[in-house]
Amino acid sequence: MVRKQVYITDEQDRWLKKRSAQLGLSEAELTRRCLDASRDRLGSLVAAGPAGDPEALHALLAFAESRVGLEVPHAGWKFRREEIYEERLIPKTP
């Protein structure tokens, strides 16, 4: 066995604790079984790319291509880095 340390959300932790108690398994054993059960699915997600959805990539590329050739204003706004943090540029959140 190889020791791994992972971060999970509070919701995942609650589910893991509840389900492992229901099944009478350790959290580690349940995690291993979940990894084994999802191995094929994880492989297909990685093969599809970072988003896991090839259609989303095509939509993004189509959007990017639709933006090519749009006129972009290059003159005008100059600022100091400190101005980014001034109240007039970034409104305070209540």
PDB file of N, CA and C in Angstrom:
ATOM      1  N   MET A   1       0.852  -1.188   0.000  1.00  0.00           N
ATOM      2  CA  MET A   1       0.000   0.000   0.000  1.00  0.00           C
ATOM      3  C   MET A   1       0.890   1.242   0.000  1.00  0.00           C
ATOM      4  N   VAL A   2       0.400   2.270  -0.641  1.00  0.00           N
ATOM      5  CA  VAL A   2       1.076   3.556  -0.688  1.00  0.00           C
ATOM      6  C   VAL A   2       0.205   4.567   0.039  1.00  0.00           C
ATOM      7  N   ARG A   3       0.806   5.342   0.925  1.00  0.00           N
ATOM      8  CA  ARG A   3       0.052   6.341   1.682  1.00  0.00           C
ATOM      9  C   ARG A   3      -0.141   7.576   0.824  1.00  0.00           C
ATOM     10  N   LYS A   4      -1.364   8.086   0.771  1.00  0.00           N
ATOM     11  CA  LYS A   4      -1.700   9.315   0.042  1.00  0.00           C
ATOM     12  C   LYS A   4      -2.454  10.236   0.988  1.00  0.00           C
ATOM     13  N   GLN A   5      -2.261  11.520   0.807  1.00  0.00           N
ATOM     14  CA  GLN A   5      -3.005  12.510   1.572  1.00  0.00           C
ATOM     15  C   GLN A   5      -3.743  13.383   0.569  1.00  0.00           C
ATOM     16  N   VAL A   6      -5.056  13.514   0.743  1.00  0.00           N
ATOM     17  CA  VAL A   6      -5.865  14.306  -0.174  1.00  0.00           C
ATOM     18  C   VAL A   6      -6.735  15.273   0.618  1.00  0.00           C
ATOM     19  N   TYR A   7      -7.167  16.319  -0.048  1.00  0.00           N
ATOM     20  CA  TYR A   7      -8.108  17.265   0.546  1.00  0.00           C
ATOM     21  C   TYR A   7      -9.476  17.011  -0.072  1.00  0.00           C
ATOM     22  N   ILE A   8     -10.485  16.909   0.774  1.00  0.00           N
ATOM     23  CA  ILE A   8     -11.851  16.730   0.299  1.00  0.00           C
ATOM     24  C   ILE A   8     -12.722  17.797   0.949  1.00  0.00           C
ATOM     25  N   THR A   9     -13.888  18.027   0.363  1.00  0.00           N
ATOM     26  CA  THR A   9     -14.796  19.032   0.905  1.00  0.00           C
ATOM     27  C   THR A   9     -15.470  18.501   2.163  1.00  0.00           C
ATOM     28  N   ASP A  10     -16.064  19.397   2.923  1.00  0.00           N
ATOM     29  CA  ASP A  10     -16.816  18.992   4.116  1.00  0.00           C
ATOM     30  C   ASP A  10     -17.946  18.036   3.744  1.00  0.00           C
ATOM     31  N   GLU A  11     -18.610  18.331   2.637  1.00  0.00           N
ATOM     32  CA  GLU A  11     -19.716  17.479   2.189  1.00  0.00           C
ATOM     33  C   GLU A  11     -19.211  16.071   1.839  1.00  0.00           C
ATOM     34  N   GLN A  12     -18.083  15.995   1.148  1.00  0.00           N
ATOM     35  CA  GLN A  12     -17.502  14.687   0.823  1.00  0.00           C
ATOM     36  C   GLN A  12     -17.112  13.932   2.089  1.00  0.00           C
ATOM     37  N   ASP A  13     -16.577  14.649   3.058  1.00  0.00           N
ATOM     38  CA  ASP A  13     -16.181  14.024   4.315  1.00  0.00           C
ATOM     39  C   ASP A  13     -17.392  13.453   5.050  1.00  0.00           C
ATOM     40  N   ARG A  14     -18.474  14.217   5.082  1.00  0.00           N
ATOM     41  CA  ARG A  14     -19.691  13.728   5.743  1.00  0.00           C
ATOM     42  C   ARG A  14     -20.207  12.469   5.047  1.00  0.00           C
ATOM     43  N   TRP A  15     -20.234  12.507   3.698  1.00  0.00           N
ATOM     44  CA  TRP A  15     -20.711  11.348   2.950  1.00  0.00           C
ATOM     45  C   TRP A  15     -19.817  10.142   3.218  1.00  0.00           C
ATOM     46  N   LEU A  16     -18.495  10.342   3.187  1.00  0.00           N
ATOM     47  CA  LEU A  16     -17.549   9.253   3.395  1.00  0.00           C
ATOM     48  C   LEU A  16     -17.728   8.619   4.772  1.00  0.00           C
ATOM     49  N   LYS A  17     -17.870   9.434   5.794  1.00  0.00           N
ATOM     50  CA  LYS A  17     -18.062   8.920   7.151  1.00  0.00           C
ATOM     51  C   LYS A  17     -19.373   8.129   7.254  1.00  0.00           C
ATOM     52  N   LYS A  18     -20.447   8.704   6.721  1.00  0.00           N
ATOM     53  CA  LYS A  18     -21.761   8.060   6.809  1.00  0.00           C
ATOM     54  C   LYS A  18     -21.772   6.738   6.042  1.00  0.00           C
ATOM     55  N   ARG A  19     -21.277   6.765   4.810  1.00  0.00           N
ATOM     56  CA  ARG A  19     -21.338   5.570   3.962  1.00  0.00           C
ATOM     57  C   ARG A  19     -20.414   4.465   4.483  1.00  0.00           C
ATOM     58  N   SER A  20     -19.227   4.840   4.975  1.00  0.00           N
ATOM     59  CA  SER A  20     -18.320   3.809   5.496  1.00  0.00           C
ATOM     60  C   SER A  20     -18.908   3.162   6.744  1.00  0.00           C
ATOM     61  N   ALA A  21     -19.614   3.942   7.572  1.00  0.00           N
ATOM     62  CA  ALA A  21     -20.278   3.366   8.747  1.00  0.00           C
ATOM     63  C   ALA A  21     -21.401   2.425   8.322  1.00  0.00           C
ATOM     64  N   GLN A  22     -22.170   2.823   7.309  1.00  0.00           N
ATOM     65  CA  GLN A  22     -23.262   1.982   6.818  1.00  0.00           C
ATOM     66  C   GLN A  22     -22.753   0.645   6.286  1.00  0.00           C
ATOM     67  N   LEU A  23     -21.612   0.689   5.598  1.00  0.00           N
ATOM     68  CA  LEU A  23     -21.075  -0.512   4.974  1.00  0.00           C
ATOM     69  C   LEU A  23     -20.148  -1.303   5.897  1.00  0.00           C
ATOM     70  N   GLY A  24     -19.799  -0.704   7.029  1.00  0.00           N
ATOM     71  CA  GLY A  24     -18.876  -1.378   7.939  1.00  0.00           C
ATOM     72  C   GLY A  24     -17.464  -1.437   7.395  1.00  0.00           C
ATOM     73  N   LEU A  25     -17.085  -0.433   6.625  1.00  0.00           N
ATOM     74  CA  LEU A  25     -15.746  -0.359   6.032  1.00  0.00           C
ATOM     75  C   LEU A  25     -15.010   0.840   6.607  1.00  0.00           C
ATOM     76  N   SER A  26     -13.695   0.794   6.558  1.00  0.00           N
ATOM     77  CA  SER A  26     -12.932   1.986   6.925  1.00  0.00           C
ATOM     78  C   SER A  26     -13.096   3.024   5.818  1.00  0.00           C
ATOM     79  N   GLU A  27     -12.851   4.272   6.160  1.00  0.00           N
ATOM     80  CA  GLU A  27     -12.923   5.320   5.143  1.00  0.00           C
ATOM     81  C   GLU A  27     -11.888   5.072   4.056  1.00  0.00           C
ATOM     82  N   ALA A  28     -10.720   4.580   4.439  1.00  0.00           N
ATOM     83  CA  ALA A  28      -9.667   4.292   3.456  1.00  0.00           C
ATOM     84  C   ALA A  28     -10.105   3.191   2.489  1.00  0.00           C
ATOM     85  N   GLU A  29     -10.717   2.130   3.029  1.00  0.00           N
ATOM     86  CA  GLU A  29     -11.163   1.035   2.162  1.00  0.00           C
ATOM     87  C   GLU A  29     -12.259   1.502   1.211  1.00  0.00           C
ATOM     88  N   LEU A  30     -13.197   2.296   1.720  1.00  0.00           N
ATOM     89  CA  LEU A  30     -14.258   2.808   0.858  1.00  0.00           C
ATOM     90  C   LEU A  30     -13.673   3.710  -0.227  1.00  0.00           C
ATOM     91  N   THR A  31     -12.696   4.531   0.131  1.00  0.00           N
ATOM     92  CA  THR A  31     -12.040   5.398  -0.851  1.00  0.00           C
ATOM     93  C   THR A  31     -11.363   4.556  -1.929  1.00  0.00           C
ATOM     94  N   ARG A  32     -10.661   3.488  -1.521  1.00  0.00           N
ATOM     95  CA  ARG A  32     -10.018   2.609  -2.507  1.00  0.00           C
ATOM     96  C   ARG A  32     -11.053   1.983  -3.432  1.00  0.00           C
ATOM     97  N   ARG A  33     -12.168   1.520  -2.855  1.00  0.00           N
ATOM     98  CA  ARG A  33     -13.205   0.891  -3.680  1.00  0.00           C
ATOM     99  C   ARG A  33     -13.824   1.894  -4.644  1.00  0.00           C
ATOM    100  N   CYS A  34     -14.014   3.131  -4.200  1.00  0.00           N
ATOM    101  CA  CYS A  34     -14.567   4.166  -5.090  1.00  0.00           C
ATOM    102  C   CYS A  34     -13.595   4.451  -6.233  1.00  0.00           C
ATOM    103  N   LEU A  35     -12.310   4.495  -5.925  1.00  0.00           N
ATOM    104  CA  LEU A  35     -11.317   4.715  -6.979  1.00  0.00           C
ATOM    105  C   LEU A  35     -11.324   3.570  -7.984  1.00  0.00           C
ATOM    106  N   ASP A  36     -11.385   2.342  -7.476  1.00  0.00           N
ATOM    107  CA  ASP A  36     -11.436   1.187  -8.377  1.00  0.00           C
ATOM    108  C   ASP A  36     -12.672   1.228  -9.260  1.00  0.00           C
ATOM    109  N   ALA A  37     -13.820   1.572  -8.662  1.00  0.00           N
ATOM    110  CA  ALA A  37     -15.082   1.589  -9.411  1.00  0.00           C
ATOM    111  C   ALA A  37     -15.107   2.692 -10.458  1.00  0.00           C
ATOM    112  N   SER A  38     -14.386   3.775 -10.202  1.00  0.00           N
ATOM    113  CA  SER A  38     -14.453   4.907 -11.131  1.00  0.00           C
ATOM    114  C   SER A  38     -13.243   4.985 -12.058  1.00  0.00           C
ATOM    115  N   ARG A  39     -12.376   3.991 -12.020  1.00  0.00           N
ATOM    116  CA  ARG A  39     -11.149   4.032 -12.822  1.00  0.00           C
ATOM    117  C   ARG A  39     -11.428   4.267 -14.303  1.00  0.00           C
ATOM    118  N   ASP A  40     -12.368   3.548 -14.885  1.00  0.00           N
ATOM    119  CA  ASP A  40     -12.667   3.713 -16.305  1.00  0.00           C
ATOM    120  C   ASP A  40     -13.230   5.092 -16.592  1.00  0.00           C
ATOM    121  N   ARG A  41     -14.126   5.554 -15.744  1.00  0.00           N
ATOM    122  CA  ARG A  41     -14.716   6.884 -15.941  1.00  0.00           C
ATOM    123  C   ARG A  41     -13.657   7.963 -15.844  1.00  0.00           C
ATOM    124  N   LEU A  42     -12.774   7.870 -14.874  1.00  0.00           N
ATOM    125  CA  LEU A  42     -11.708   8.862 -14.738  1.00  0.00           C
ATOM    126  C   LEU A  42     -10.814   8.861 -15.965  1.00  0.00           C
ATOM    127  N   GLY A  43     -10.523   7.678 -16.496  1.00  0.00           N
ATOM    128  CA  GLY A  43      -9.691   7.599 -17.696  1.00  0.00           C
ATOM    129  C   GLY A  43     -10.322   8.295 -18.874  1.00  0.00           C
ATOM    130  N   SER A  44     -11.640   8.165 -19.047  1.00  0.00           N
ATOM    131  CA  SER A  44     -12.302   8.821 -20.171  1.00  0.00           C
ATOM    132  C   SER A  44     -12.370  10.330 -19.980  1.00  0.00           C
ATOM    133  N   LEU A  45     -12.472  10.795 -18.738  1.00  0.00           N
ATOM    134  CA  LEU A  45     -12.485  12.240 -18.485  1.00  0.00           C
ATOM    135  C   LEU A  45     -11.137  12.852 -18.822  1.00  0.00           C
ATOM    136  N   VAL A  46     -10.069  12.187 -18.439  1.00  0.00           N
ATOM    137  CA  VAL A  46      -8.731  12.690 -18.733  1.00  0.00           C
ATOM    138  C   VAL A  46      -8.487  12.692 -20.233  1.00  0.00           C
ATOM    139  N   ALA A  47      -8.937  11.649 -20.916  1.00  0.00           N
ATOM    140  CA  ALA A  47      -8.738  11.557 -22.363  1.00  0.00           C
ATOM    141  C   ALA A  47      -9.499  12.659 -23.095  1.00  0.00           C
ATOM    142  N   ALA A  48     -10.627  13.104 -22.540  1.00  0.00           N
ATOM    143  CA  ALA A  48     -11.431  14.137 -23.192  1.00  0.00           C
ATOM    144  C   ALA A  48     -10.823  15.522 -23.028  1.00  0.00           C
ATOM    145  N   GLY A  49      -9.879  15.683 -22.138  1.00  0.00           N
ATOM    146  CA  GLY A  49      -9.240  16.968 -21.928  1.00  0.00           C
ATOM    147  C   GLY A  49      -9.602  17.544 -20.579  1.00  0.00           C
ATOM    148  N   PRO A  50      -9.060  18.716 -20.271  1.00  0.00           N
ATOM    149  CA  PRO A  50      -9.242  19.301 -18.952  1.00  0.00           C
ATOM    150  C   PRO A  50     -10.708  19.515 -18.580  1.00  0.00           C
ATOM    151  N   ALA A  51     -11.512  19.901 -19.522  1.00  0.00           N
ATOM    152  CA  ALA A  51     -12.911  20.168 -19.198  1.00  0.00           C
ATOM    153  C   ALA A  51     -13.730  18.888 -19.170  1.00  0.00           C
ATOM    154  N   GLY A  52     -13.238  17.825 -19.766  1.00  0.00           N
ATOM    155  CA  GLY A  52     -13.973  16.580 -19.805  1.00  0.00           C
ATOM    156  C   GLY A  52     -15.117  16.593 -20.798  1.00  0.00           C
ATOM    157  N   ASP A  53     -15.225  17.647 -21.578  1.00  0.00           N
ATOM    158  CA  ASP A  53     -16.338  17.771 -22.511  1.00  0.00           C
ATOM    159  C   ASP A  53     -15.825  18.343 -23.821  1.00  0.00           C
ATOM    160  N   PRO A  54     -15.591  17.499 -24.827  1.00  0.00           N
ATOM    161  CA  PRO A  54     -15.057  17.988 -26.100  1.00  0.00           C
ATOM    162  C   PRO A  54     -15.954  19.030 -26.761  1.00  0.00           C
ATOM    163  N   GLU A  55     -17.266  18.925 -26.583  1.00  0.00           N
ATOM    164  CA  GLU A  55     -18.173  19.906 -27.177  1.00  0.00           C
ATOM    165  C   GLU A  55     -17.964  21.286 -26.572  1.00  0.00           C
ATOM    166  N   ALA A  56     -17.654  21.331 -25.272  1.00  0.00           N
ATOM    167  CA  ALA A  56     -17.394  22.619 -24.626  1.00  0.00           C
ATOM    168  C   ALA A  56     -16.162  23.274 -25.229  1.00  0.00           C
ATOM    169  N   LEU A  57     -15.143  22.461 -25.527  1.00  0.00           N
ATOM    170  CA  LEU A  57     -13.935  22.991 -26.156  1.00  0.00           C
ATOM    171  C   LEU A  57     -14.249  23.555 -27.532  1.00  0.00           C
ATOM    172  N   HIS A  58     -15.044  22.845 -28.315  1.00  0.00           N
ATOM    173  CA  HIS A  58     -15.414  23.334 -29.648  1.00  0.00           C
ATOM    174  C   HIS A  58     -16.209  24.630 -29.547  1.00  0.00           C
ATOM    175  N   ALA A  59     -17.098  24.729 -28.566  1.00  0.00           N
ATOM    176  CA  ALA A  59     -17.873  25.960 -28.377  1.00  0.00           C
ATOM    177  C   ALA A  59     -16.959  27.118 -28.005  1.00  0.00           C
ATOM    178  N   LEU A  60     -15.983  26.859 -27.146  1.00  0.00           N
ATOM    179  CA  LEU A  60     -15.033  27.899 -26.756  1.00  0.00           C
ATOM    180  C   LEU A  60     -14.216  28.367 -27.955  1.00  0.00           C
ATOM    181  N   LEU A  61     -13.756  27.427 -28.762  1.00  0.00           N
ATOM    182  CA  LEU A  61     -12.982  27.798 -29.953  1.00  0.00           C
ATOM    183  C   LEU A  61     -13.824  28.595 -30.941  1.00  0.00           C
ATOM    184  N   ALA A  62     -15.084  28.201 -31.105  1.00  0.00           N
ATOM    185  CA  ALA A  62     -15.978  28.948 -32.005  1.00  0.00           C
ATOM    186  C   ALA A  62     -16.183  30.367 -31.497  1.00  0.00           C
ATOM    187  N   PHE A  63     -16.341  30.521 -30.185  1.00  0.00           N
ATOM    188  CA  PHE A  63     -16.506  31.855 -29.606  1.00  0.00           C
ATOM    189  C   PHE A  63     -15.249  32.691 -29.847  1.00  0.00           C
ATOM    190  N   ALA A  64     -14.078  32.083 -29.607  1.00  0.00           N
ATOM    191  CA  ALA A  64     -12.824  32.807 -29.803  1.00  0.00           C
ATOM    192  C   ALA A  64     -12.680  33.249 -31.252  1.00  0.00           C
ATOM    193  N   GLU A  65     -13.014  32.367 -32.184  1.00  0.00           N
ATOM    194  CA  GLU A  65     -12.918  32.716 -33.599  1.00  0.00           C
ATOM    195  C   GLU A  65     -13.880  33.844 -33.962  1.00  0.00           C
ATOM    196  N   SER A  66     -15.047  33.890 -33.306  1.00  0.00           N
ATOM    197  CA  SER A  66     -16.008  34.960 -33.597  1.00  0.00           C
ATOM    198  C   SER A  66     -15.495  36.320 -33.123  1.00  0.00           C
ATOM    199  N   ARG A  67     -14.546  36.300 -32.193  1.00  0.00           N
ATOM    200  CA  ARG A  67     -14.007  37.554 -31.659  1.00  0.00           C
ATOM    201  C   ARG A  67     -12.827  38.081 -32.474  1.00  0.00           C
ATOM    202  N   VAL A  68     -12.258  37.239 -33.316  1.00  0.00           N
ATOM    203  CA  VAL A  68     -11.105  37.647 -34.123  1.00  0.00           C
ATOM    204  C   VAL A  68     -11.544  38.765 -35.062  1.00  0.00           C
ATOM    205  N   GLY A  69     -10.733  39.794 -35.134  1.00  0.00           N
ATOM    206  CA  GLY A  69     -11.022  40.883 -36.051  1.00  0.00           C
ATOM    207  C   GLY A  69     -11.843  42.008 -35.426  1.00  0.00           C
ATOM    208  N   LEU A  70     -12.325  41.823 -34.208  1.00  0.00           N
ATOM    209  CA  LEU A  70     -13.045  42.917 -33.565  1.00  0.00           C
ATOM    210  C   LEU A  70     -12.065  44.033 -33.233  1.00  0.00           C
ATOM    211  N   GLU A  71     -12.544  45.250 -33.366  1.00  0.00           N
ATOM    212  CA  GLU A  71     -11.686  46.391 -33.084  1.00  0.00           C
ATOM    213  C   GLU A  71     -11.525  46.558 -31.582  1.00  0.00           C
ATOM    214  N   VAL A  72     -10.275  46.682 -31.169  1.00  0.00           N
ATOM    215  CA  VAL A  72      -9.964  46.845 -29.749  1.00  0.00           C
ATOM    216  C   VAL A  72      -9.359  48.225 -29.558  1.00  0.00           C
ATOM    217  N   PRO A  73      -9.955  49.041 -28.690  1.00  0.00           N
ATOM    218  CA  PRO A  73      -9.378  50.371 -28.451  1.00  0.00           C
ATOM    219  C   PRO A  73      -8.037  50.245 -27.734  1.00  0.00           C
ATOM    220  N   HIS A  74      -7.009  50.906 -28.284  1.00  0.00           N
ATOM    221  CA  HIS A  74      -5.681  50.800 -27.687  1.00  0.00           C
ATOM    222  C   HIS A  74      -5.265  52.075 -26.972  1.00  0.00           C
ATOM    223  N   ALA A  75      -5.978  53.133 -27.150  1.00  0.00           N
ATOM    224  CA  ALA A  75      -5.556  54.399 -26.559  1.00  0.00           C
ATOM    225  C   ALA A  75      -6.419  54.736 -25.363  1.00  0.00           C
ATOM    226  N   GLY A  76      -5.903  55.626 -24.571  1.00  0.00           N
ATOM    227  CA  GLY A  76      -6.762  56.169 -23.537  1.00  0.00           C
ATOM    228  C   GLY A  76      -6.354  55.869 -22.118  1.00  0.00           C
ATOM    229  N   TRP A  77      -6.737  54.778 -21.612  1.00  0.00           N
ATOM    230  CA  TRP A  77      -6.676  54.577 -20.171  1.00  0.00           C
ATOM    231  C   TRP A  77      -5.285  54.193 -19.709  1.00  0.00           C
ATOM    232  N   LYS A  78      -4.731  55.053 -18.881  1.00  0.00           N
ATOM    233  CA  LYS A  78      -3.453  54.759 -18.242  1.00  0.00           C
ATOM    234  C   LYS A  78      -3.686  54.861 -16.745  1.00  0.00           C
ATOM    235  N   PHE A  79      -3.043  54.013 -16.009  1.00  0.00           N
ATOM    236  CA  PHE A  79      -3.250  54.019 -14.564  1.00  0.00           C
ATOM    237  C   PHE A  79      -1.980  53.600 -13.853  1.00  0.00           C
ATOM    238  N   ARG A  80      -1.962  53.912 -12.565  1.00  0.00           N
ATOM    239  CA  ARG A  80      -0.891  53.449 -11.696  1.00  0.00           C
ATOM    240  C   ARG A  80      -1.381  52.180 -11.005  1.00  0.00           C
ATOM    241  N   ARG A  81      -0.481  51.273 -10.716  1.00  0.00           N
ATOM    242  CA  ARG A  81      -0.845  50.024 -10.051  1.00  0.00           C
ATOM    243  C   ARG A  81      -1.621  50.292  -8.766  1.00  0.00           C
ATOM    244  N   GLU A  82      -1.242  51.316  -8.022  1.00  0.00           N
ATOM    245  CA  GLU A  82      -1.904  51.628  -6.751  1.00  0.00           C
ATOM    246  C   GLU A  82      -3.375  51.983  -6.948  1.00  0.00           C
ATOM    247  N   GLU A  83      -3.713  52.539  -8.118  1.00  0.00           N
ATOM    248  CA  GLU A  83      -5.098  52.937  -8.375  1.00  0.00           C
ATOM    249  C   GLU A  83      -6.053  51.756  -8.402  1.00  0.00           C
ATOM    250  N   ILE A  84      -5.551  50.591  -8.713  1.00  0.00           N
ATOM    251  CA  ILE A  84      -6.404  49.414  -8.770  1.00  0.00           C
ATOM    252  C   ILE A  84      -7.086  49.199  -7.427  1.00  0.00           C
ATOM    253  N   TYR A  85      -6.374  49.551  -6.349  1.00  0.00           N
ATOM    254  CA  TYR A  85      -6.885  49.289  -5.013  1.00  0.00           C
ATOM    255  C   TYR A  85      -7.663  50.466  -4.429  1.00  0.00           C
ATOM    256  N   GLU A  86      -7.744  51.554  -5.163  1.00  0.00           N
ATOM    257  CA  GLU A  86      -8.491  52.707  -4.673  1.00  0.00           C
ATOM    258  C   GLU A  86      -9.975  52.465  -4.794  1.00  0.00           C
ATOM    259  N   GLU A  87     -10.726  53.077  -3.936  1.00  0.00           N
ATOM    260  CA  GLU A  87     -12.174  52.862  -3.833  1.00  0.00           C
ATOM    261  C   GLU A  87     -12.915  53.174  -5.122  1.00  0.00           C
ATOM    262  N   ARG A  88     -12.457  54.144  -5.890  1.00  0.00           N
ATOM    263  CA  ARG A  88     -13.193  54.544  -7.082  1.00  0.00           C
ATOM    264  C   ARG A  88     -13.143  53.487  -8.188  1.00  0.00           C
ATOM    265  N   LEU A  89     -12.121  52.611  -8.203  1.00  0.00           N
ATOM    266  CA  LEU A  89     -12.021  51.608  -9.253  1.00  0.00           C
ATOM    267  C   LEU A  89     -12.643  50.255  -8.835  1.00  0.00           C
ATOM    268  N   ILE A  90     -12.495  49.918  -7.582  1.00  0.00           N
ATOM    269  CA  ILE A  90     -13.066  48.668  -7.094  1.00  0.00           C
ATOM    270  C   ILE A  90     -14.018  49.007  -5.959  1.00  0.00           C
ATOM    271  N   PRO A  91     -15.319  48.948  -6.228  1.00  0.00           N
ATOM    272  CA  PRO A  91     -16.279  49.305  -5.179  1.00  0.00           C
ATOM    273  C   PRO A  91     -16.205  48.337  -4.017  1.00  0.00           C
ATOM    274  N   LYS A  92     -16.455  48.872  -2.831  1.00  0.00           N
ATOM    275  CA  LYS A  92     -16.456  48.025  -1.636  1.00  0.00           C
ATOM    276  C   LYS A  92     -17.666  47.115  -1.658  1.00  0.00           C
ATOM    277  N   THR A  93     -17.469  45.928  -1.167  1.00  0.00           N
ATOM    278  CA  THR A  93     -18.580  44.985  -1.067  1.00  0.00           C
ATOM    279  C   THR A  93     -19.185  45.131   0.325  1.00  0.00           C
ATOM    280  N   PRO A  94     -20.540  45.226   0.382  1.00  0.00           N
ATOM    281  CA  PRO A  94     -21.151  45.438   1.697  1.00  0.00           C
ATOM    282  C   PRO A  94     -20.960  44.262   2.626  1.00  0.00           C
TER     283      PRO A  94
END
